[in-house]
C-alpha cells in the first residue's frame, strides 16, 4: 500500500519504552514498537528516531544538583534507550545505526547529518541519542532539530495519549481533543504538545507534527504512514 510520507522522524518517549514497569526497559513493549517500525520500513518509509530518557532520568533528582550535570545524565539515558531500540530492530532484521550528539567511540557513530541521510537513503533506520548534545534543550527540541536536518516530511510524536487536548484528559474527563491545530495556536494556548522551543522550530522549518498513541496500539504508526487519522496534526495554515 502506498504511503503518504517518504521520510519521517519518530519521537519515542522513554516512558513508552518502560511499558507497565514505569522504569527501565520493557522488552515486550520495545518489540511491539519495533515491529511496527519494521512494517513502515518494509513499506519504503525512511525513518529517523529520537528517543527520550524519562524511563531512567527526569532532570534533577535533587535541587542541589547542577543543571548541566543533570542534563548530561539524561543524555546518557537516551543513549541506553537508543541502543536498546537498535538491538530490537536488528533482531527483527532491520538495518540500523545509532548516532550520538556526544562522541562515544566504540558505542555509536558521532552525529553527522550527511551520513544520517545516506543511511536513510540506503534503507537503514537511524536512531539519534544524546539529545542535541547541549544542556537546557529537551529531546522534543532534538526531534525538531533532527527532523529539519534530515529533511523529514513530518515529526511523529508517539505518546501515551491519542492526541492533543485542551486540558489533561487524565485529570479532566471532559477534556476536548483537537483533530488539527496550528503552531501559533499551540504557543498561544500553551498546549502541551512539545516545549515552545521545539514548536517554534517546527513552525519555522514548516514541518508538521503528528501526536498519536503508540503505547496502546503501535499499529497507529503504520496507519499514519497510510494517511489515516490517528491523532492530532499540528501545522501552519
Foldseek 3Di string as FASTA:
>chain_A
DAFPWAEEEEEEEQQQQCFPVLADGDLVSLLQLLVLVVVVLVNNHQYEYEYWQNNHADADPDPPDDRFVSLQVRLVSRLVVLVSSCVSNVVVVAAEFEEECDDDPPRHHHDDLVVSLVCSVVSHYYYYTSQNVGTPDGNLLSSLVSCLSNVTQAYEYADQAAEWWLDPCVVDVPTDHAQEEELVCCVVSVTVPDDNNSSVSCQVSQHKYFYGHCSVPVNVVVVVRRVDRRYYIYGHD
